[in-house]
């Protein structure tokens, strides 16, 4: 349980395959057990594996994580800590029952995957596919750019989880850790996520492709941005407690131009709450493809305690699998605290059985072009 070396800052090249279960002596054993690093920039060009049972995970505080990097109080920007995958794959899986694994964790740093890289979590076996797994877990001003592929198994799992601040779970209730690395570390307390290729969490129920939450009470919605020009795929909604959601936005800005979200039964493409801004004026809102019945392309939420989500953008395009051609589906659902005017077109194409706009309570004034087909209604 001793360390041979510690490091605070600088690049580290992972140019040979390593695993958390590699024996001594080996590169993997030395990196994971004998080397302590913070504020490091990991340049990963070979595969990294963290496939462990609970006995093996006990050596790592019972956590199953592929790669992780925390910054330090010597940092002044988030560029000083990084996990960069180039032609590499991270595989993480807890093979016994327990908390779902995490592919990569970053605290005040950057994670990037190039087009030939991937992260695969809770997918190596079928006996114990654990729930609540995460592909990339990014906190405290970290930035994530996925040009590769993220696959996460298990129910209630998340492809990319972004939080403005890390939560201190030792407190009851848990509280945000504000400016963890000091006042000189600029840009803490932000969420920045960009997906240009593929996130797939469709093998489980009640999953979320991108979950972005702003727990920084002193910041604006515009400080936190999620962009999707790639594809996000989520599973079915099961039960009444949780929902499968392509992009969940809590007090953040979502820019879904030219992106695609594929949703299962009773799932939601984009869910905005707590004053989130969905879309950019003049830009399209991408395409939502229904792979199950009773799905909702965009859902807007607000109540007496939380500001209404705001919808911008010229139109959202609906698509479907042939299997759900005669099933119910909804374009825009508004569950708000105030009446709303919507200028976003719901492009139904050739789809039937569409409710273009639906309000759960308040009035909707729609000022947008709309062409409907068989068994469809405007609002």
Protein backbone atom coordinates (compact mmCIF):
# COMPACT_ATOMS: atom_id res chain seq x y z
CA UNK A 1 0.00 0.00 0.00
CA UNK A 2 2.96 2.34 -0.40
CA UNK A 3 3.77 4.79 -3.23
CA UNK A 4 7.03 4.88 -5.15
CA UNK A 5 6.44 8.35 -6.62
CA UNK A 6 4.10 11.31 -6.53
CA UNK A 7 3.55 13.95 -9.19
CA UNK A 8 1.75 17.30 -9.30
CA UNK A 9 1.49 18.57 -12.87
CA UNK A 10 2.89 17.52 -16.23
CA UNK A 11 2.22 15.02 -19.02
CA UNK A 12 1.99 11.25 -18.65
CA UNK A 13 1.94 8.95 -21.67
CA UNK A 14 0.01 5.70 -21.38
CA UNK A 15 1.51 3.98 -24.41
CA UNK A 16 1.20 0.38 -23.29
CA UNK A 17 -2.01 -1.49 -22.32
CA UNK A 18 -2.65 -1.35 -18.57
CA UNK A 19 -5.21 -2.84 -16.20
CA UNK A 20 -6.10 -2.28 -12.56
CA UNK A 21 -5.70 -6.02 -12.03
CA UNK A 22 -2.22 -6.30 -13.57
CA UNK A 23 0.21 -8.22 -11.32
CA UNK A 24 3.44 -6.97 -9.81
CA UNK A 25 5.72 -6.21 -11.60
CA UNK A 26 4.00 -4.52 -14.54
CA UNK A 27 3.27 -1.08 -15.93
CA UNK A 28 -0.37 -1.30 -14.86
CA UNK A 29 0.51 -2.36 -11.32
CA UNK A 30 2.99 0.46 -10.95
CA UNK A 31 0.67 3.13 -12.35
CA UNK A 32 -2.43 2.21 -10.37
CA UNK A 33 -0.78 1.13 -7.11
CA UNK A 34 2.67 2.71 -6.84
CA UNK A 35 2.20 6.10 -8.50
CA UNK A 36 0.14 9.03 -7.21
CA UNK A 37 -0.57 11.86 -9.63
CA UNK A 38 -2.70 15.00 -9.61
CA UNK A 39 -2.97 17.83 -12.11
CA UNK A 40 -1.55 15.45 -14.70
CA UNK A 41 -2.29 15.30 -18.41
CA UNK A 42 -2.85 11.69 -19.42
CA UNK A 43 -2.16 11.02 -23.10
CA UNK A 44 -3.70 7.61 -23.64
CA UNK A 45 -2.83 5.74 -26.84
CA UNK A 46 -3.30 2.17 -25.58
CA UNK A 47 -6.24 0.43 -23.92
CA UNK A 48 -7.01 0.78 -20.22
CA UNK A 49 -9.02 -1.86 -18.36
CA UNK A 50 -10.76 -1.82 -14.98
CA UNK A 51 -12.77 -5.06 -14.87
CA UNK A 52 -12.91 -6.10 -11.22
CA UNK A 53 -14.89 -8.08 -8.70
CA UNK A 54 -15.65 -6.61 -5.30
CA UNK A 55 -12.57 -8.12 -3.66
CA UNK A 56 -10.34 -6.45 -6.24
CA UNK A 57 -12.28 -3.19 -6.03
CA UNK A 58 -11.66 -3.07 -2.27
CA UNK A 59 -8.05 -2.13 -3.03
CA UNK A 60 -9.40 1.04 -4.71
CA UNK A 61 -11.86 2.21 -2.03
CA UNK A 62 -14.49 -0.11 -3.52
CA UNK A 63 -14.63 2.03 -6.66
CA UNK A 64 -14.39 0.67 -10.20
CA UNK A 65 -13.02 3.51 -12.35
CA UNK A 66 -11.09 3.23 -15.59
CA UNK A 67 -9.06 6.44 -15.32
CA UNK A 68 -9.35 9.42 -13.00
CA UNK A 69 -7.62 12.74 -12.62
CA UNK A 70 -7.97 15.47 -10.03
CA UNK A 71 -6.35 18.86 -10.34
CA UNK A 72 -4.58 20.59 -7.44
CA UNK A 73 -4.35 23.98 -5.76
CA UNK A 74 -1.37 24.77 -7.96
CA UNK A 75 -3.70 24.95 -10.97
CA UNK A 76 -4.87 28.18 -12.57
CA UNK A 77 -6.80 26.66 -15.52
CA UNK A 78 -8.60 23.40 -16.28
CA UNK A 79 -6.11 22.67 -19.08
CA UNK A 80 -3.55 21.46 -16.52
CA UNK A 81 -5.41 18.19 -15.83
CA UNK A 82 -6.61 15.97 -18.66
CA UNK A 83 -7.52 12.51 -19.93
CA UNK A 84 -6.97 12.47 -23.70
CA UNK A 85 -7.81 9.28 -25.60
CA UNK A 86 -6.25 8.85 -29.05
CA UNK A 87 -6.97 5.50 -30.67
CA UNK A 88 -7.58 4.01 -27.23
CA UNK A 89 -10.37 2.30 -25.30
CA UNK A 90 -11.31 2.39 -21.63
CA UNK A 91 -13.23 -0.65 -20.38
CA UNK A 92 -14.72 -0.54 -16.88
CA UNK A 93 -16.97 -3.14 -15.28
CA UNK A 94 -17.80 -4.35 -11.78
CA UNK A 95 -18.33 -8.08 -12.23
CA UNK A 96 -20.08 -8.57 -8.86
CA UNK A 97 -23.24 -6.84 -7.70
CA UNK A 98 -22.70 -3.26 -6.52
CA UNK A 99 -22.43 0.30 -7.74
CA UNK A 100 -22.00 0.67 -11.48
CA UNK A 101 -18.53 1.39 -12.82
CA UNK A 102 -17.21 4.71 -14.15
CA UNK A 103 -15.19 4.97 -17.32
CA UNK A 104 -13.37 8.25 -16.65
CA UNK A 105 -13.54 10.81 -13.81
CA UNK A 106 -12.18 14.34 -14.11
CA UNK A 107 -12.11 17.16 -11.52
CA UNK A 108 -11.24 20.59 -12.97
CA UNK A 109 -9.75 19.25 -16.18
CA UNK A 110 -10.52 18.10 -19.70
CA UNK A 111 -11.55 14.76 -21.18
CA UNK A 112 -11.39 14.14 -24.91
CA UNK A 113 -11.95 11.14 -27.19
CA UNK A 114 -10.84 11.19 -30.80
CA UNK A 115 -12.88 9.49 -33.52
CA UNK A 116 -11.18 6.10 -33.03
CA UNK A 117 -11.48 6.04 -29.23
CA UNK A 118 -14.19 4.62 -27.00
CA UNK A 119 -15.35 4.13 -23.43
CA UNK A 120 -17.24 0.93 -22.59
CA UNK A 121 -18.83 0.54 -19.14
CA UNK A 122 -20.76 -2.37 -17.55
CA UNK A 123 -20.81 -4.33 -20.79
CA UNK A 124 -18.22 -7.12 -20.45
CA UNK A 125 -20.61 -9.72 -18.98
CA UNK A 126 -24.35 -10.29 -18.56
CA UNK A 127 -24.58 -11.81 -15.07
CA UNK A 128 -24.06 -8.61 -13.09
CA UNK A 129 -24.85 -5.57 -15.21
CA UNK A 130 -24.92 -3.00 -12.44
CA UNK A 131 -27.13 0.07 -12.38
CA UNK A 132 -26.11 3.75 -12.19
CA UNK A 133 -22.91 3.39 -14.20
CA UNK A 134 -21.31 6.45 -15.83
CA UNK A 135 -19.23 6.78 -18.98
CA UNK A 136 -17.57 10.12 -18.18
CA UNK A 137 -18.04 11.88 -14.83
CA UNK A 138 -16.90 15.51 -15.04
CA UNK A 139 -17.07 18.07 -12.21
CA UNK A 140 -15.91 21.53 -11.17
CA UNK A 141 -15.35 23.40 -14.40
CA UNK A 142 -14.29 20.35 -16.38
CA UNK A 143 -14.78 20.13 -20.13
CA UNK A 144 -15.74 17.01 -22.09
CA UNK A 145 -15.43 16.57 -25.85
CA UNK A 146 -16.54 13.24 -27.28
CA UNK A 147 -15.58 12.61 -30.89
CA UNK A 148 -15.62 8.86 -30.26
CA UNK A 149 -18.07 6.29 -28.87
CA UNK A 150 -19.41 5.91 -25.33
CA UNK A 151 -21.40 2.78 -24.45
CA UNK A 152 -22.80 2.31 -20.94
CA UNK A 153 -24.92 -0.61 -19.73
CA UNK A 154 -27.25 -0.90 -16.74
CA UNK A 155 -30.46 0.79 -15.65
CA UNK A 156 -30.36 4.46 -14.58
CA UNK A 157 -26.93 4.80 -16.17
CA UNK A 158 -25.50 7.96 -17.72
CA UNK A 159 -23.28 8.49 -20.75
CA UNK A 160 -21.75 11.83 -19.71
CA UNK A 161 -22.45 13.38 -16.32
CA UNK A 162 -21.45 17.02 -15.91
CA UNK A 163 -21.75 18.95 -12.64
CA UNK A 164 -20.67 22.54 -12.03
CA UNK A 165 -19.25 21.56 -8.63
CA UNK A 166 -18.37 18.23 -7.08
CA UNK A 167 -20.74 17.15 -4.32
CA UNK A 168 -19.46 16.33 -0.84
CA UNK A 169 -21.40 13.19 0.03
CA UNK A 170 -19.91 13.07 3.53
CA UNK A 171 -22.29 15.86 4.52
CA UNK A 172 -25.99 15.27 5.10
CA UNK A 173 -27.44 16.49 2.89
CA UNK A 174 -24.61 16.52 0.36
CA UNK A 175 -23.32 20.01 -0.50
CA UNK A 176 -21.34 21.43 -3.46
CA UNK A 177 -17.59 21.84 -2.96
CA UNK A 178 -17.15 25.45 -4.08
CA UNK A 179 -13.83 26.58 -5.59
CA UNK A 180 -12.12 23.41 -4.45
CA UNK A 181 -8.74 24.45 -5.85
CA UNK A 182 -8.69 28.04 -4.62
CA UNK A 183 -9.52 31.47 -6.02
CA UNK A 184 -6.62 31.44 -8.49
CA UNK A 185 -8.10 28.45 -10.36
CA UNK A 186 -10.25 30.25 -12.90
CA UNK A 187 -13.39 28.80 -14.45
CA UNK A 188 -14.38 26.43 -11.67
CA UNK A 189 -18.10 25.81 -11.23
CA UNK A 190 -19.00 25.37 -14.92
CA UNK A 191 -20.36 22.61 -17.13
CA UNK A 192 -19.07 22.21 -20.70
CA UNK A 193 -19.97 19.13 -22.74
CA UNK A 194 -19.72 18.54 -26.49
CA UNK A 195 -20.75 15.35 -28.28
CA UNK A 196 -20.00 15.03 -31.97
CA UNK A 197 -20.23 11.25 -32.44
CA UNK A 198 -22.14 8.67 -30.36
CA UNK A 199 -23.37 8.05 -26.83
CA UNK A 200 -25.37 4.84 -26.36
CA UNK A 201 -27.08 3.96 -23.07
CA UNK A 202 -29.99 2.11 -24.66
CA UNK A 203 -29.41 -1.37 -23.20
CA UNK A 204 -30.88 -0.32 -19.83
CA UNK A 205 -34.06 1.40 -18.72
CA UNK A 206 -34.38 4.93 -17.30
CA UNK A 207 -31.02 5.97 -18.73
CA UNK A 208 -29.67 9.42 -19.61
CA UNK A 209 -27.34 10.20 -22.48
CA UNK A 210 -26.05 13.54 -21.16
CA UNK A 211 -26.92 14.75 -17.67
CA UNK A 212 -25.87 18.36 -17.03
CA UNK A 213 -26.62 20.08 -13.75
CA UNK A 214 -25.61 23.54 -12.59
CA UNK A 215 -25.27 23.59 -8.80
CA UNK A 216 -23.35 26.88 -8.88
CA UNK A 217 -25.80 29.38 -7.41
CA UNK A 218 -23.71 32.40 -8.43
CA UNK A 219 -23.56 31.54 -12.14
CA UNK A 220 -25.81 32.20 -15.13
CA UNK A 221 -27.48 29.63 -17.37
CA UNK A 222 -25.25 30.79 -20.25
CA UNK A 223 -22.11 29.80 -18.30
CA UNK A 224 -22.96 26.13 -18.77
CA UNK A 225 -23.23 24.64 -22.27
CA UNK A 226 -24.12 21.26 -23.71
CA UNK A 227 -23.66 20.81 -27.47
CA UNK A 228 -24.81 17.78 -29.45
CA UNK A 229 -24.11 17.43 -33.14
CA UNK A 230 -23.71 13.67 -32.84
CA UNK A 231 -26.08 10.87 -31.83
CA UNK A 232 -27.43 10.08 -28.36
CA UNK A 233 -29.39 6.84 -27.84
CA UNK A 234 -31.35 6.05 -24.67
CA UNK A 235 -33.53 3.15 -23.56
CA UNK A 236 -37.12 2.76 -22.45
CA UNK A 237 -38.73 4.37 -19.44
CA UNK A 238 -39.82 1.76 -16.90
CA UNK A 239 -42.06 2.43 -13.90
CA UNK A 240 -43.22 5.83 -12.68
CA UNK A 241 -40.23 7.14 -10.71
CA UNK A 242 -37.56 7.67 -13.39
CA UNK A 243 -37.48 8.55 -17.09
CA UNK A 244 -35.10 7.85 -19.94
CA UNK A 245 -33.81 11.18 -21.27
CA UNK A 246 -31.45 11.99 -24.13
CA UNK A 247 -30.20 15.30 -22.67
CA UNK A 248 -31.17 16.40 -19.16
CA UNK A 249 -30.54 20.11 -18.58
CA UNK A 250 -30.78 21.72 -15.13
CA UNK A 251 -30.06 25.46 -15.32
CA UNK A 252 -27.85 25.07 -18.39
CA UNK A 253 -27.87 25.97 -22.09
CA UNK A 254 -28.38 23.21 -24.67
CA UNK A 255 -27.33 23.60 -28.29
CA UNK A 256 -28.66 20.56 -30.18
CA UNK A 257 -28.24 21.88 -33.74
CA UNK A 258 -27.90 19.06 -36.33
CA UNK A 259 -27.75 16.39 -33.62
CA UNK A 260 -29.86 13.23 -33.35
CA UNK A 261 -31.44 11.76 -30.23
CA UNK A 262 -33.02 8.30 -30.36
CA UNK A 263 -35.47 7.53 -27.58
CA UNK A 264 -37.24 4.41 -26.34
CA UNK A 265 -40.73 3.91 -24.98
CA UNK A 266 -42.07 6.83 -22.88
CA UNK A 267 -38.66 8.49 -23.07
CA UNK A 268 -37.80 12.17 -23.60
CA UNK A 269 -35.36 13.62 -26.12
CA UNK A 270 -34.41 16.86 -24.33
CA UNK A 271 -35.65 17.77 -20.85
CA UNK A 272 -35.08 21.34 -19.67
CA UNK A 273 -35.76 22.58 -16.15
CA UNK A 274 -34.81 25.34 -13.71
CA UNK A 275 -34.53 28.09 -16.31
CA UNK A 276 -32.54 26.06 -18.85
CA UNK A 277 -32.38 27.47 -22.37
CA UNK A 278 -32.96 24.85 -25.07
CA UNK A 279 -31.69 25.86 -28.50
CA UNK A 280 -30.41 28.99 -30.18
CA UNK A 281 -32.62 31.45 -32.06
CA UNK A 282 -32.44 30.71 -35.78
CA UNK A 283 -30.83 27.27 -35.36
CA UNK A 284 -32.57 23.94 -35.72
CA UNK A 285 -33.03 21.72 -32.67
CA UNK A 286 -31.85 18.56 -34.39
CA UNK A 287 -33.82 15.35 -34.89
CA UNK A 288 -35.57 13.18 -32.32
CA UNK A 289 -36.20 9.62 -33.47
CA UNK A 290 -38.88 7.59 -31.70
CA UNK A 291 -37.93 3.94 -31.19
CA UNK A 292 -40.79 3.30 -28.77
CA UNK A 293 -44.31 4.60 -28.26
CA UNK A 294 -45.48 7.55 -26.15
CA UNK A 295 -42.18 9.41 -26.32
CA UNK A 296 -41.70 13.19 -26.11
CA UNK A 297 -39.18 15.06 -28.26
CA UNK A 298 -38.74 18.13 -26.01
CA UNK A 299 -40.09 18.62 -22.49
CA UNK A 300 -40.05 22.00 -20.74
CA UNK A 301 -40.45 22.22 -16.97
CA UNK A 302 -41.01 25.02 -14.48
CA UNK A 303 -42.86 25.58 -11.22
CA UNK A 304 -43.26 28.07 -8.40
CA UNK A 305 -39.81 27.21 -7.02
CA UNK A 306 -37.92 26.86 -10.30
CA UNK A 307 -37.93 29.21 -13.33
CA UNK A 308 -39.56 27.96 -16.52
CA UNK A 309 -37.30 26.39 -19.12
CA UNK A 310 -37.03 28.45 -22.31
CA UNK A 311 -37.29 27.04 -25.84
CA UNK A 312 -35.53 28.73 -28.75
CA UNK A 313 -34.65 27.47 -32.23
CA UNK A 314 -36.45 27.29 -35.55
CA UNK A 315 -37.68 23.68 -35.55
CA UNK A 316 -37.32 20.19 -34.17
CA UNK A 317 -37.57 17.33 -36.68
CA UNK A 318 -39.34 14.11 -35.74
CA UNK A 319 -38.45 10.66 -37.08
CA UNK A 320 -39.44 7.12 -36.10
CA UNK A 321 -38.72 3.43 -36.47
CA UNK A 322 -41.22 1.56 -38.61
CA UNK A 323 -42.32 -0.44 -35.57
CA UNK A 324 -43.85 2.66 -33.94
CA UNK A 325 -45.40 4.18 -37.06
CA UNK A 326 -48.91 3.89 -35.63
CA UNK A 327 -48.03 4.70 -32.03
CA UNK A 328 -48.56 7.91 -30.05
CA UNK A 329 -45.78 10.49 -29.86
CA UNK A 330 -45.45 14.13 -28.77
CA UNK A 331 -43.37 16.95 -30.21
CA UNK A 332 -43.17 19.59 -27.46
CA UNK A 333 -44.54 19.15 -23.93
CA UNK A 334 -44.80 22.22 -21.69
CA UNK A 335 -45.29 21.75 -17.95
CA UNK A 336 -44.65 25.33 -16.87
CA UNK A 337 -45.56 27.85 -14.22
CA UNK A 338 -46.57 30.50 -16.76
CA UNK A 339 -48.31 30.81 -20.12
CA UNK A 340 -45.86 30.48 -23.00
CA UNK A 341 -45.49 31.52 -26.64
CA UNK A 342 -43.67 28.98 -28.81
CA UNK A 343 -42.20 29.87 -32.18
CA UNK A 344 -40.53 26.51 -32.77
CA UNK A 345 -41.88 24.39 -35.61
CA UNK A 346 -42.50 20.70 -35.02
CA UNK A 347 -41.55 19.12 -38.33
CA UNK A 348 -43.56 15.89 -38.41
CA UNK A 349 -42.56 14.87 -41.94
CA UNK A 350 -44.63 11.82 -42.83
CA UNK A 351 -45.26 10.76 -39.24
CA UNK A 352 -48.78 9.96 -38.04
CA UNK A 353 -50.27 9.92 -34.53
CA UNK A 354 -48.39 13.04 -33.42
CA UNK A 355 -49.43 15.57 -30.81
CA UNK A 356 -47.33 18.51 -31.95
CA UNK A 357 -47.70 20.70 -28.83
CA UNK A 358 -49.11 19.79 -25.44
CA UNK A 359 -49.48 21.82 -22.24
CA UNK A 360 -49.87 20.09 -18.92
CA UNK A 361 -51.42 23.17 -17.31
CA UNK A 362 -50.88 26.69 -18.73
CA UNK A 363 -51.80 28.19 -22.12
CA UNK A 364 -49.62 27.75 -25.21
CA UNK A 365 -49.65 30.30 -28.02
CA UNK A 366 -48.03 28.64 -31.05
CA UNK A 367 -46.62 30.92 -33.72
CA UNK A 368 -44.98 28.45 -36.06
CA UNK A 369 -45.66 26.61 -39.30
CA UNK A 370 -47.22 23.20 -38.86
CA UNK A 371 -48.28 20.41 -41.23
CA UNK A 372 -49.96 17.41 -39.68
CA UNK A 373 -50.74 13.95 -40.99
CA UNK A 374 -53.17 11.19 -40.11
CA UNK A 375 -54.49 10.97 -36.54
CA UNK A 376 -52.37 13.94 -35.41
CA UNK A 377 -53.33 17.07 -33.49
CA UNK A 378 -51.81 20.54 -33.09
CA UNK A 379 -52.29 20.98 -29.33
